[in-house]
Structures are given as structure tokens and as C-alpha cells.
Amino acid sequence: MSHDQGREKLIRMANQIATFFMSQPEADRAKGVAIHINKFWEPRMRKHLFESLDEGAHGLMPLVMEASAMINRPPPPAEPGTLNDIPKSR
């Protein structure tokens, strides 16, 4: 599966989640989408979702974009030599 196909699948999944939460009370919709994605999507999936959002959110429902403010953005990978980079034992 190409990178674009994987991203398209994540967009489709996010939109399906948003479609489900459209049946909930309006005040609970975005929060419901965010809770679901935070709970069930691994960091790599959320990273790709935020890449799509950062590139203009083409194809994402407005409810997903609204929920994105409550979705946990994964931290960037550690740069070699930083505190988060654990050296290998010798």
C-alpha cells in the first residue's frame, strides 16, 4: 500500500468515526471523535492524520477538523544525541 493510499484510508476511517458521532448531541460530537481517535489510534496513525491536517485537510469532514484540537499530537521522533535518544550499550 502506498503512502497516499494509507493516508486516504486514515481519512476515510476518521470520516467514518465522525459520521457515527453526527448522531450524538452536537455538544458531544467533536469530543467523541477525539476520544475515540486518542483511545484507539496508535501514534503513527495520529501522526499521519496531523500531516493531512497540516497539508490542508483535503477530504476530511469539518467535524474531524474540529476534533483535531482535542486529539493528542504524537511527539516528533528524537534527534540523535538528544536527551530522548537513548544510546546503545557497548
C-alpha atoms as a PDB file:
ATOM      1  CA  MET A   1       0.000   0.000   0.000  1.00  0.00           C
ATOM      2  CA  SER A   2       1.448   3.344  -0.995  1.00  0.00           C
ATOM      3  CA  HIS A   3       1.794   6.253   1.430  1.00  0.00           C
ATOM      4  CA  ASP A   4      -1.069   8.068  -0.330  1.00  0.00           C
ATOM      5  CA  GLN A   5      -3.334   5.011  -0.147  1.00  0.00           C
ATOM      6  CA  GLY A   6      -2.596   4.633   3.562  1.00  0.00           C
ATOM      7  CA  ARG A   7      -3.370   8.287   4.167  1.00  0.00           C
ATOM      8  CA  GLU A   8      -6.588   8.021   2.152  1.00  0.00           C
ATOM      9  CA  LYS A   9      -7.605   5.036   4.285  1.00  0.00           C
ATOM     10  CA  LEU A  10      -6.970   7.019   7.501  1.00  0.00           C
ATOM     11  CA  ILE A  11      -9.019   9.927   6.146  1.00  0.00           C
ATOM     12  CA  ARG A  12     -11.840   7.532   5.324  1.00  0.00           C
ATOM     13  CA  MET A  13     -11.615   5.983   8.819  1.00  0.00           C
ATOM     14  CA  ALA A  14     -11.633   9.409  10.515  1.00  0.00           C
ATOM     15  CA  ASN A  15     -14.655  10.423   8.443  1.00  0.00           C
ATOM     16  CA  GLN A  16     -16.468   7.187   9.369  1.00  0.00           C
ATOM     17  CA  ILE A  17     -15.879   7.955  13.051  1.00  0.00           C
ATOM     18  CA  ALA A  18     -17.175  11.495  12.519  1.00  0.00           C
ATOM     19  CA  THR A  19     -20.226  10.158  10.676  1.00  0.00           C
ATOM     20  CA  PHE A  20     -21.057   7.932  13.643  1.00  0.00           C
ATOM     21  CA  PHE A  21     -20.736  10.828  16.102  1.00  0.00           C
ATOM     22  CA  MET A  22     -23.013  13.035  13.968  1.00  0.00           C
ATOM     23  CA  SER A  23     -25.868  11.047  15.549  1.00  0.00           C
ATOM     24  CA  GLN A  24     -24.823  12.262  19.024  1.00  0.00           C
ATOM     25  CA  PRO A  25     -25.825  15.552  20.661  1.00  0.00           C
ATOM     26  CA  GLU A  26     -23.987  18.432  18.992  1.00  0.00           C
ATOM     27  CA  ALA A  27     -22.070  19.342  22.159  1.00  0.00           C
ATOM     28  CA  ASP A  28     -20.601  15.807  22.346  1.00  0.00           C
ATOM     29  CA  ARG A  29     -19.643  15.228  18.707  1.00  0.00           C
ATOM     30  CA  ALA A  30     -16.112  16.618  18.398  1.00  0.00           C
ATOM     31  CA  LYS A  31     -15.152  15.395  21.840  1.00  0.00           C
ATOM     32  CA  GLY A  32     -16.411  11.910  20.953  1.00  0.00           C
ATOM     33  CA  VAL A  33     -14.358  11.816  17.754  1.00  0.00           C
ATOM     34  CA  ALA A  34     -11.238  12.960  19.629  1.00  0.00           C
ATOM     35  CA  ILE A  35     -11.703  10.462  22.464  1.00  0.00           C
ATOM     36  CA  HIS A  36     -12.176   7.614  20.007  1.00  0.00           C
ATOM     37  CA  ILE A  37      -9.080   8.514  17.970  1.00  0.00           C
ATOM     38  CA  ASN A  38      -6.948   9.105  21.080  1.00  0.00           C
ATOM     39  CA  LYS A  39      -8.048   5.786  22.553  1.00  0.00           C
ATOM     40  CA  PHE A  40      -7.852   3.509  19.524  1.00  0.00           C
ATOM     41  CA  TRP A  41      -5.355   5.009  17.056  1.00  0.00           C
ATOM     42  CA  GLU A  42      -1.675   4.370  17.565  1.00  0.00           C
ATOM     43  CA  PRO A  43       0.684   7.391  17.460  1.00  0.00           C
ATOM     44  CA  ARG A  44       1.766   6.655  13.880  1.00  0.00           C
ATOM     45  CA  MET A  45      -1.838   6.833  12.684  1.00  0.00           C
ATOM     46  CA  ARG A  46      -2.406  10.117  14.523  1.00  0.00           C
ATOM     47  CA  LYS A  47       0.857  11.443  13.047  1.00  0.00           C
ATOM     48  CA  HIS A  48      -0.442  10.760   9.527  1.00  0.00           C
ATOM     49  CA  LEU A  49      -3.788  12.355  10.387  1.00  0.00           C
ATOM     50  CA  PHE A  50      -1.997  15.525  11.533  1.00  0.00           C
ATOM     51  CA  GLU A  51       0.125  15.503   8.368  1.00  0.00           C
ATOM     52  CA  SER A  52      -3.119  15.542   6.373  1.00  0.00           C
ATOM     53  CA  LEU A  53      -4.494  18.347   8.532  1.00  0.00           C
ATOM     54  CA  ASP A  54      -1.267  20.344   8.184  1.00  0.00           C
ATOM     55  CA  GLU A  55      -1.427  19.955   4.391  1.00  0.00           C
ATOM     56  CA  GLY A  56      -4.933  21.374   4.165  1.00  0.00           C
ATOM     57  CA  ALA A  57      -7.180  18.557   5.406  1.00  0.00           C
ATOM     58  CA  HIS A  58      -8.353  17.617   1.907  1.00  0.00           C
ATOM     59  CA  GLY A  59     -11.199  15.147   2.227  1.00  0.00           C
ATOM     60  CA  LEU A  60     -11.653  15.403   5.997  1.00  0.00           C
ATOM     61  CA  MET A  61     -15.091  16.235   7.357  1.00  0.00           C
ATOM     62  CA  PRO A  62     -15.382  19.505   9.293  1.00  0.00           C
ATOM     63  CA  LEU A  63     -16.158  17.506  12.454  1.00  0.00           C
ATOM     64  CA  VAL A  64     -12.752  15.773  12.224  1.00  0.00           C
ATOM     65  CA  MET A  65     -11.050  19.145  11.820  1.00  0.00           C
ATOM     66  CA  GLU A  66     -12.947  20.474  14.851  1.00  0.00           C
ATOM     67  CA  ALA A  67     -11.978  17.398  16.880  1.00  0.00           C
ATOM     68  CA  SER A  68      -8.305  17.746  15.913  1.00  0.00           C
ATOM     69  CA  ALA A  69      -7.823  20.404  18.608  1.00  0.00           C
ATOM     70  CA  MET A  70      -8.543  17.667  21.180  1.00  0.00           C
ATOM     71  CA  ILE A  71      -6.577  14.854  19.517  1.00  0.00           C
ATOM     72  CA  ASN A  72      -3.170  14.128  21.027  1.00  0.00           C
ATOM     73  CA  ARG A  73      -0.463  15.025  18.522  1.00  0.00           C
ATOM     74  CA  PRO A  74       2.378  12.499  18.787  1.00  0.00           C
ATOM     75  CA  PRO A  75       5.785  13.973  19.660  1.00  0.00           C
ATOM     76  CA  PRO A  76       8.315  14.205  16.836  1.00  0.00           C
ATOM     77  CA  PRO A  77      10.978  11.482  16.735  1.00  0.00           C
ATOM     78  CA  ALA A  78      14.030  12.158  18.874  1.00  0.00           C
ATOM     79  CA  GLU A  79      17.063  13.559  17.113  1.00  0.00           C
ATOM     80  CA  PRO A  80      20.286  11.584  17.577  1.00  0.00           C
ATOM     81  CA  GLY A  81      22.257  12.940  20.509  1.00  0.00           C
ATOM     82  CA  THR A  82      19.273  14.496  22.345  1.00  0.00           C
ATOM     83  CA  LEU A  83      18.007  13.520  25.777  1.00  0.00           C
ATOM     84  CA  ASN A  84      15.302  11.315  24.256  1.00  0.00           C
ATOM     85  CA  ASP A  85      17.883   9.412  22.238  1.00  0.00           C
ATOM     86  CA  ILE A  86      18.968   6.501  24.418  1.00  0.00           C
ATOM     87  CA  PRO A  87      22.477   5.374  23.487  1.00  0.00           C
ATOM     88  CA  LYS A  88      23.079   1.697  22.798  1.00  0.00           C
ATOM     89  CA  SER A  89      25.161  -0.109  25.412  1.00  0.00           C
ATOM     90  CA  ARG A  90      28.642  -1.020  24.402  1.00  0.00           C
END
